[in-house]
Amino acid sequence: GEPARRSVNVPGVAHSSIQTGDTDPIDERIAQRGDIVRHAGPIELGTGFTYLYVRDTEHDIIEIEGAPHAPAELDPWLSHGAIVSHDIDRLAAAYGAVLDAEPTPPIHLRGHAEFDRGTGLAGVDVRVTFVKVPNGSVEMWQYDAPEPTGAPVRDYEAVGAGHLAFETTSVDDTVERALANGFVVVDPPADVDGLRMVRMIDPDGNWVELLEFDDPDDPSSLQTRPDLRRPAKMDALLAEARS
């Protein structure tokens, strides 16, 4: 079917985020395309980053985060995948247990005109938390206003629907933790072309995939990347810039 334009506060996998030290080249490429829609912005929320939501040709949201503390010559990188949930405390605790990471204390945004402008919504009242992994994070949003409607997309192959994928050194061990924390296995672990993989749904009904490479030196594995822990390095640069 035709992809639907979903509001940013609809429950489910909401957007992916790309960070870059210099947003100008991305802005220029977007302007040249003409078929990619920008929300208002970039906006500033006092975090040290700038934020801009853009929608691709199928209305999916990509967040562009400007990180002026990062070296401008650094290639853009995937920062996080975002989920909108009715209960981020419950969901973050589940992901934290599965990914062996402590969720960050929630940040509350309310009565913030810049955030309303960037989301295209009025009177936003929202909390956000992160579950950080070595190469990014899972960002979780709970919109108390405007009240979100709808539910996560249940059809894995639906147009515009998304899922989150994580690489692990042991699919079986991670699945065991997931089952103990409200996840449900849909397709049991299977070995396919040098990968062990499994598809699950999280406690909210979002699709999640786990991957384990047979060869830890496989060039597709995150473990082979020299910048595996780039998010932590960016956090350190931001702390240095704000000190």
C-alpha atoms as a PDB file:
ATOM      1  CA  GLY A   1       0.000   0.000   0.000  1.00  0.00           C
ATOM      2  CA  GLU A   2       0.907   3.651  -0.114  1.00  0.00           C
ATOM      3  CA  PRO A   3       3.084   4.874   2.755  1.00  0.00           C
ATOM      4  CA  ALA A   4       1.192   6.953   5.317  1.00  0.00           C
ATOM      5  CA  ARG A   5       2.391  10.233   6.790  1.00  0.00           C
ATOM      6  CA  ARG A   6       2.538   9.537  10.519  1.00  0.00           C
ATOM      7  CA  SER A   7       2.785  12.234  13.136  1.00  0.00           C
ATOM      8  CA  VAL A   8       5.971  12.190  15.199  1.00  0.00           C
ATOM      9  CA  ASN A   9       4.046  11.118  18.325  1.00  0.00           C
ATOM     10  CA  VAL A  10       2.464   7.945  16.892  1.00  0.00           C
ATOM     11  CA  PRO A  11       3.562   4.877  18.913  1.00  0.00           C
ATOM     12  CA  GLY A  12       6.118   2.582  17.349  1.00  0.00           C
ATOM     13  CA  VAL A  13       9.525   2.890  15.722  1.00  0.00           C
ATOM     14  CA  ALA A  14       9.509   6.624  15.039  1.00  0.00           C
ATOM     15  CA  HIS A  15      12.698   7.751  13.330  1.00  0.00           C
ATOM     16  CA  SER A  16      16.383   7.222  12.785  1.00  0.00           C
ATOM     17  CA  SER A  17      18.902   9.907  13.646  1.00  0.00           C
ATOM     18  CA  ILE A  18      22.035  10.975  11.808  1.00  0.00           C
ATOM     19  CA  GLN A  19      24.597  13.172  13.533  1.00  0.00           C
ATOM     20  CA  THR A  20      27.185  15.297  11.779  1.00  0.00           C
ATOM     21  CA  GLY A  21      29.623  17.996  12.734  1.00  0.00           C
ATOM     22  CA  ASP A  22      28.553  20.198   9.833  1.00  0.00           C
ATOM     23  CA  THR A  23      24.900  20.127   8.708  1.00  0.00           C
ATOM     24  CA  ASP A  24      25.379  22.508   5.757  1.00  0.00           C
ATOM     25  CA  PRO A  25      26.282  19.819   3.172  1.00  0.00           C
ATOM     26  CA  ILE A  26      23.196  17.794   4.138  1.00  0.00           C
ATOM     27  CA  ASP A  27      20.995  20.907   3.939  1.00  0.00           C
ATOM     28  CA  GLU A  28      22.377  21.618   0.471  1.00  0.00           C
ATOM     29  CA  ARG A  29      21.701  18.089  -0.766  1.00  0.00           C
ATOM     30  CA  ILE A  30      18.146  18.197   0.612  1.00  0.00           C
ATOM     31  CA  ALA A  31      17.501  21.516  -1.144  1.00  0.00           C
ATOM     32  CA  GLN A  32      18.781  20.121  -4.430  1.00  0.00           C
ATOM     33  CA  ARG A  33      16.444  17.123  -4.250  1.00  0.00           C
ATOM     34  CA  GLY A  34      13.232  19.094  -3.852  1.00  0.00           C
ATOM     35  CA  ASP A  35      11.191  15.993  -2.954  1.00  0.00           C
ATOM     36  CA  ILE A  36      12.303  15.723   0.679  1.00  0.00           C
ATOM     37  CA  VAL A  37      10.128  17.682   3.122  1.00  0.00           C
ATOM     38  CA  ARG A  38      11.707  19.571   6.014  1.00  0.00           C
ATOM     39  CA  HIS A  39      10.063  20.331   9.326  1.00  0.00           C
ATOM     40  CA  ALA A  40      10.802  23.778  10.749  1.00  0.00           C
ATOM     41  CA  GLY A  41      14.350  24.201  11.952  1.00  0.00           C
ATOM     42  CA  PRO A  42      17.065  23.454  12.698  1.00  0.00           C
ATOM     43  CA  ILE A  43      16.018  24.106  16.305  1.00  0.00           C
ATOM     44  CA  GLU A  44      18.099  24.447  19.466  1.00  0.00           C
ATOM     45  CA  LEU A  45      17.089  23.046  22.842  1.00  0.00           C
ATOM     46  CA  GLY A  46      20.124  24.029  24.883  1.00  0.00           C
ATOM     47  CA  THR A  47      21.703  20.572  24.626  1.00  0.00           C
ATOM     48  CA  GLY A  48      24.680  21.538  22.488  1.00  0.00           C
ATOM     49  CA  PHE A  49      23.077  20.023  19.378  1.00  0.00           C
ATOM     50  CA  THR A  50      20.778  21.382  16.672  1.00  0.00           C
ATOM     51  CA  TYR A  51      17.823  19.312  15.470  1.00  0.00           C
ATOM     52  CA  LEU A  52      15.932  18.991  12.223  1.00  0.00           C
ATOM     53  CA  TYR A  53      13.291  16.475  11.163  1.00  0.00           C
ATOM     54  CA  VAL A  54      13.126  15.690   7.465  1.00  0.00           C
ATOM     55  CA  ARG A  55      10.788  13.282   5.689  1.00  0.00           C
ATOM     56  CA  ASP A  56      11.979  11.146   2.821  1.00  0.00           C
ATOM     57  CA  THR A  57       9.928  10.412  -0.277  1.00  0.00           C
ATOM     58  CA  GLU A  58       7.885   7.818   1.680  1.00  0.00           C
ATOM     59  CA  HIS A  59       7.270  10.188   4.630  1.00  0.00           C
ATOM     60  CA  ASP A  60       9.625   8.324   6.987  1.00  0.00           C
ATOM     61  CA  ILE A  61      11.323  10.664   9.458  1.00  0.00           C
ATOM     62  CA  ILE A  62      15.076  11.111   9.553  1.00  0.00           C
ATOM     63  CA  GLU A  63      16.420  13.376  12.265  1.00  0.00           C
ATOM     64  CA  ILE A  64      19.506  15.391  11.416  1.00  0.00           C
ATOM     65  CA  GLU A  65      21.447  16.370  14.531  1.00  0.00           C
ATOM     66  CA  GLY A  66      24.133  18.991  14.218  1.00  0.00           C
ATOM     67  CA  ALA A  67      27.051  18.363  16.574  1.00  0.00           C
ATOM     68  CA  PRO A  68      29.257  21.470  16.411  1.00  0.00           C
ATOM     69  CA  HIS A  69      31.638  19.947  18.972  1.00  0.00           C
ATOM     70  CA  ALA A  70      32.536  17.176  16.495  1.00  0.00           C
ATOM     71  CA  PRO A  71      35.294  17.556  13.893  1.00  0.00           C
ATOM     72  CA  ALA A  72      33.637  19.073  10.815  1.00  0.00           C
ATOM     73  CA  GLU A  73      35.460  16.701   8.468  1.00  0.00           C
ATOM     74  CA  LEU A  74      34.011  13.614  10.195  1.00  0.00           C
ATOM     75  CA  ASP A  75      31.605  11.617   8.030  1.00  0.00           C
ATOM     76  CA  PRO A  76      27.966  11.612   9.263  1.00  0.00           C
ATOM     77  CA  TRP A  77      27.097   8.681  11.537  1.00  0.00           C
ATOM     78  CA  LEU A  78      23.967   6.891  12.715  1.00  0.00           C
ATOM     79  CA  SER A  79      23.264   8.131  16.226  1.00  0.00           C
ATOM     80  CA  HIS A  80      20.120   6.315  17.355  1.00  0.00           C
ATOM     81  CA  GLY A  81      16.841   4.692  16.536  1.00  0.00           C
ATOM     82  CA  ALA A  82      13.777   6.154  18.265  1.00  0.00           C
ATOM     83  CA  ILE A  83      10.624   4.545  19.658  1.00  0.00           C
ATOM     84  CA  VAL A  84       7.466   6.328  20.790  1.00  0.00           C
ATOM     85  CA  SER A  85       5.813   4.500  23.693  1.00  0.00           C
ATOM     86  CA  HIS A  86       2.916   4.954  26.106  1.00  0.00           C
ATOM     87  CA  ASP A  87       5.259   3.863  28.938  1.00  0.00           C
ATOM     88  CA  ILE A  88       8.963   4.562  28.485  1.00  0.00           C
ATOM     89  CA  ASP A  89       9.800   3.558  32.056  1.00  0.00           C
ATOM     90  CA  ARG A  90       8.602   0.018  31.392  1.00  0.00           C
ATOM     91  CA  LEU A  91      10.068  -0.169  27.904  1.00  0.00           C
ATOM     92  CA  ALA A  92      13.445   1.334  28.813  1.00  0.00           C
ATOM     93  CA  ALA A  93      13.791  -1.076  31.733  1.00  0.00           C
ATOM     94  CA  ALA A  94      13.130  -4.003  29.371  1.00  0.00           C
ATOM     95  CA  TYR A  95      15.635  -2.832  26.764  1.00  0.00           C
ATOM     96  CA  GLY A  96      18.151  -1.999  29.479  1.00  0.00           C
ATOM     97  CA  ALA A  97      17.990  -5.544  30.824  1.00  0.00           C
ATOM     98  CA  VAL A  98      18.304  -7.089  27.367  1.00  0.00           C
ATOM     99  CA  LEU A  99      21.136  -4.818  26.211  1.00  0.00           C
ATOM    100  CA  ASP A 100      22.892  -4.727  29.596  1.00  0.00           C
ATOM    101  CA  ALA A 101      22.715  -0.940  29.771  1.00  0.00           C
ATOM    102  CA  GLU A 102      21.259   1.446  32.346  1.00  0.00           C
ATOM    103  CA  PRO A 103      18.615   3.816  30.911  1.00  0.00           C
ATOM    104  CA  THR A 104      19.421   7.501  31.305  1.00  0.00           C
ATOM    105  CA  PRO A 105      17.253   9.602  33.651  1.00  0.00           C
ATOM    106  CA  PRO A 106      14.256  10.898  31.645  1.00  0.00           C
ATOM    107  CA  ILE A 107      14.356  14.457  30.323  1.00  0.00           C
ATOM    108  CA  HIS A 108      11.048  16.356  30.472  1.00  0.00           C
ATOM    109  CA  LEU A 109      10.170  18.817  27.701  1.00  0.00           C
ATOM    110  CA  ARG A 110       7.032  20.893  28.186  1.00  0.00           C
ATOM    111  CA  GLY A 111       6.009  24.385  27.113  1.00  0.00           C
ATOM    112  CA  HIS A 112       8.996  24.603  24.767  1.00  0.00           C
ATOM    113  CA  ALA A 113       8.098  26.656  21.684  1.00  0.00           C
ATOM    114  CA  GLU A 114      11.176  25.520  19.762  1.00  0.00           C
ATOM    115  CA  PHE A 115      10.310  21.862  20.271  1.00  0.00           C
ATOM    116  CA  ASP A 116       6.703  22.452  19.195  1.00  0.00           C
ATOM    117  CA  ARG A 117       8.061  24.131  16.066  1.00  0.00           C
ATOM    118  CA  GLY A 118      10.409  21.290  15.243  1.00  0.00           C
ATOM    119  CA  THR A 119       7.865  18.510  15.737  1.00  0.00           C
ATOM    120  CA  GLY A 120       5.016  20.327  14.001  1.00  0.00           C
ATOM    121  CA  LEU A 121       2.814  19.775  17.058  1.00  0.00           C
ATOM    122  CA  ALA A 122       1.265  22.221  19.527  1.00  0.00           C
ATOM    123  CA  GLY A 123       1.516  22.048  23.305  1.00  0.00           C
ATOM    124  CA  VAL A 124       3.989  19.183  23.427  1.00  0.00           C
ATOM    125  CA  ASP A 125       4.484  17.522  26.824  1.00  0.00           C
ATOM    126  CA  VAL A 126       6.984  14.711  26.448  1.00  0.00           C
ATOM    127  CA  ARG A 127       9.610  12.699  28.297  1.00  0.00           C
ATOM    128  CA  VAL A 128      12.631  11.112  26.648  1.00  0.00           C
ATOM    129  CA  THR A 129      15.187   8.559  27.814  1.00  0.00           C
ATOM    130  CA  PHE A 130      18.059   6.667  26.181  1.00  0.00           C
ATOM    131  CA  VAL A 131      19.405   3.147  26.434  1.00  0.00           C
ATOM    132  CA  LYS A 132      22.973   3.427  25.152  1.00  0.00           C
ATOM    133  CA  VAL A 133      24.860   0.696  23.301  1.00  0.00           C
ATOM    134  CA  PRO A 134      28.457   0.832  21.989  1.00  0.00           C
ATOM    135  CA  ASN A 135      27.563   2.233  18.578  1.00  0.00           C
ATOM    136  CA  GLY A 136      24.534   4.381  19.356  1.00  0.00           C
ATOM    137  CA  SER A 137      21.425   4.273  21.491  1.00  0.00           C
ATOM    138  CA  VAL A 138      17.737   3.492  21.603  1.00  0.00           C
ATOM    139  CA  GLU A 139      15.840   6.727  22.183  1.00  0.00           C
ATOM    140  CA  MET A 140      12.374   6.481  23.743  1.00  0.00           C
ATOM    141  CA  TRP A 141       9.677   9.158  23.757  1.00  0.00           C
ATOM    142  CA  GLN A 142       6.500   9.306  25.833  1.00  0.00           C
ATOM    143  CA  TYR A 143       4.088  11.980  24.617  1.00  0.00           C
ATOM    144  CA  ASP A 144       1.555  12.952  27.274  1.00  0.00           C
ATOM    145  CA  ALA A 145       0.374  15.761  24.972  1.00  0.00           C
ATOM    146  CA  PRO A 146      -0.749  15.777  22.256  1.00  0.00           C
ATOM    147  CA  GLU A 147      -2.059  12.354  23.230  1.00  0.00           C
ATOM    148  CA  PRO A 148      -0.695   9.781  20.773  1.00  0.00           C
ATOM    149  CA  THR A 149      -3.076   7.601  18.804  1.00  0.00           C
ATOM    150  CA  GLY A 150      -2.612   4.290  17.039  1.00  0.00           C
ATOM    151  CA  ALA A 151      -0.334   1.343  17.706  1.00  0.00           C
ATOM    152  CA  PRO A 152       3.004   0.035  16.403  1.00  0.00           C
ATOM    153  CA  VAL A 153       2.858  -1.487  12.928  1.00  0.00           C
ATOM    154  CA  ARG A 154       2.415  -5.249  13.284  1.00  0.00           C
ATOM    155  CA  ASP A 155       3.215  -6.221   9.689  1.00  0.00           C
ATOM    156  CA  TYR A 156       6.995  -6.645   9.364  1.00  0.00           C
ATOM    157  CA  GLU A 157       6.844  -5.960   5.630  1.00  0.00           C
ATOM    158  CA  ALA A 158       4.438  -3.007   5.736  1.00  0.00           C
ATOM    159  CA  VAL A 159       5.497  -0.006   3.677  1.00  0.00           C
ATOM    160  CA  GLY A 160       7.077   2.604   5.912  1.00  0.00           C
ATOM    161  CA  ALA A 161       7.240   0.300   8.920  1.00  0.00           C
ATOM    162  CA  GLY A 162      10.560  -0.120  10.669  1.00  0.00           C
ATOM    163  CA  HIS A 163      12.429  -2.309  13.105  1.00  0.00           C
ATOM    164  CA  LEU A 164      15.516  -2.031  15.266  1.00  0.00           C
ATOM    165  CA  ALA A 165      18.436  -4.417  14.755  1.00  0.00           C
ATOM    166  CA  PHE A 166      21.233  -5.161  17.212  1.00  0.00           C
ATOM    167  CA  GLU A 167      24.438  -7.091  16.799  1.00  0.00           C
ATOM    168  CA  THR A 168      25.341  -9.403  19.668  1.00  0.00           C
ATOM    169  CA  THR A 169      28.115 -11.856  20.416  1.00  0.00           C
ATOM    170  CA  SER A 170      25.508 -14.443  21.471  1.00  0.00           C
ATOM    171  CA  VAL A 171      21.994 -14.467  20.021  1.00  0.00           C
ATOM    172  CA  ASP A 172      20.950 -17.315  22.310  1.00  0.00           C
ATOM    173  CA  ASP A 173      22.042 -15.551  25.511  1.00  0.00           C
ATOM    174  CA  THR A 174      20.418 -12.274  24.430  1.00  0.00           C
ATOM    175  CA  VAL A 175      17.167 -14.049  23.520  1.00  0.00           C
ATOM    176  CA  GLU A 176      17.131 -15.635  26.987  1.00  0.00           C
ATOM    177  CA  ARG A 177      17.298 -12.167  28.588  1.00  0.00           C
ATOM    178  CA  ALA A 178      14.704 -10.848  26.156  1.00  0.00           C
ATOM    179  CA  LEU A 179      12.198 -13.586  26.980  1.00  0.00           C
ATOM    180  CA  ALA A 180      12.645 -12.827  30.673  1.00  0.00           C
ATOM    181  CA  ASN A 181      11.811  -9.157  30.029  1.00  0.00           C
ATOM    182  CA  GLY A 182       8.624  -9.284  28.000  1.00  0.00           C
ATOM    183  CA  PHE A 183       9.929  -9.820  24.478  1.00  0.00           C
ATOM    184  CA  VAL A 184       8.336 -12.490  22.294  1.00  0.00           C
ATOM    185  CA  VAL A 185      10.205 -14.563  19.724  1.00  0.00           C
ATOM    186  CA  VAL A 186       8.421 -14.601  16.360  1.00  0.00           C
ATOM    187  CA  ASP A 187      10.998 -16.444  14.227  1.00  0.00           C
ATOM    188  CA  PRO A 188      13.271 -18.763  16.255  1.00  0.00           C
ATOM    189  CA  PRO A 189      17.041 -18.320  15.970  1.00  0.00           C
ATOM    190  CA  ALA A 190      18.312 -19.565  12.625  1.00  0.00           C
ATOM    191  CA  ASP A 191      21.668 -19.754  10.859  1.00  0.00           C
ATOM    192  CA  VAL A 192      21.708 -17.950   7.495  1.00  0.00           C
ATOM    193  CA  ASP A 193      24.772 -17.126   5.356  1.00  0.00           C
ATOM    194  CA  GLY A 194      27.285 -16.744   8.155  1.00  0.00           C
ATOM    195  CA  LEU A 195      24.780 -15.166  10.540  1.00  0.00           C
ATOM    196  CA  ARG A 196      22.723 -16.391  13.447  1.00  0.00           C
ATOM    197  CA  MET A 197      19.612 -14.269  13.610  1.00  0.00           C
ATOM    198  CA  VAL A 198      16.221 -14.009  15.288  1.00  0.00           C
ATOM    199  CA  ARG A 199      13.174 -11.744  14.979  1.00  0.00           C
ATOM    200  CA  MET A 200      11.193 -10.710  18.048  1.00  0.00           C
ATOM    201  CA  ILE A 201       8.660  -8.142  19.175  1.00  0.00           C
ATOM    202  CA  ASP A 202       9.313  -5.978  22.225  1.00  0.00           C
ATOM    203  CA  PRO A 203       6.802  -5.402  25.069  1.00  0.00           C
ATOM    204  CA  ASP A 204       5.137  -2.637  23.012  1.00  0.00           C
ATOM    205  CA  GLY A 205       4.839  -4.758  19.875  1.00  0.00           C
ATOM    206  CA  ASN A 206       7.754  -3.246  17.921  1.00  0.00           C
ATOM    207  CA  TRP A 207       9.854  -5.512  15.714  1.00  0.00           C
ATOM    208  CA  VAL A 208      13.416  -6.203  16.883  1.00  0.00           C
ATOM    209  CA  GLU A 209      16.103  -8.237  15.154  1.00  0.00           C
ATOM    210  CA  LEU A 210      19.256  -9.741  16.665  1.00  0.00           C
ATOM    211  CA  LEU A 211      22.314 -10.674  14.596  1.00  0.00           C
ATOM    212  CA  GLU A 212      25.410 -12.690  15.492  1.00  0.00           C
ATOM    213  CA  PHE A 213      28.252 -13.124  13.009  1.00  0.00           C
ATOM    214  CA  ASP A 214      29.912 -16.530  12.823  1.00  0.00           C
ATOM    215  CA  ASP A 215      33.172 -14.755  11.997  1.00  0.00           C
ATOM    216  CA  PRO A 216      33.946 -11.891  14.405  1.00  0.00           C
ATOM    217  CA  ASP A 217      36.235 -10.444  11.720  1.00  0.00           C
ATOM    218  CA  ASP A 218      33.443 -10.286   9.152  1.00  0.00           C
ATOM    219  CA  PRO A 219      33.766  -6.842   7.531  1.00  0.00           C
ATOM    220  CA  SER A 220      30.012  -6.274   8.014  1.00  0.00           C
ATOM    221  CA  SER A 221      30.342  -6.694  11.781  1.00  0.00           C
ATOM    222  CA  LEU A 222      30.414  -3.576  13.946  1.00  0.00           C
ATOM    223  CA  GLN A 223      33.239  -5.197  15.883  1.00  0.00           C
ATOM    224  CA  THR A 224      35.588  -4.517  12.973  1.00  0.00           C
ATOM    225  CA  ARG A 225      34.860  -0.780  12.864  1.00  0.00           C
ATOM    226  CA  PRO A 226      37.665   1.460  14.105  1.00  0.00           C
ATOM    227  CA  ASP A 227      35.055   3.973  15.334  1.00  0.00           C
ATOM    228  CA  LEU A 228      32.825   1.471  17.155  1.00  0.00           C
ATOM    229  CA  ARG A 229      32.516   3.675  20.217  1.00  0.00           C
ATOM    230  CA  ARG A 230      32.116   6.962  18.398  1.00  0.00           C
ATOM    231  CA  PRO A 231      29.025   8.027  20.436  1.00  0.00           C
ATOM    232  CA  ALA A 232      31.015   7.853  23.677  1.00  0.00           C
ATOM    233  CA  LYS A 233      33.802   9.876  22.080  1.00  0.00           C
ATOM    234  CA  MET A 234      31.275  12.474  20.920  1.00  0.00           C
ATOM    235  CA  ASP A 235      29.836  12.659  24.447  1.00  0.00           C
ATOM    236  CA  ALA A 236      33.327  13.323  25.778  1.00  0.00           C
ATOM    237  CA  LEU A 237      33.919  16.073  23.200  1.00  0.00           C
ATOM    238  CA  LEU A 238      30.569  17.686  24.090  1.00  0.00           C
ATOM    239  CA  ALA A 239      31.398  17.608  27.812  1.00  0.00           C
ATOM    240  CA  GLU A 240      34.765  19.204  27.050  1.00  0.00           C
ATOM    241  CA  ALA A 241      33.167  21.911  24.904  1.00  0.00           C
ATOM    242  CA  ARG A 242      30.632  22.784  27.606  1.00  0.00           C
ATOM    243  CA  SER A 243      33.111  22.789  30.516  1.00  0.00           C
END
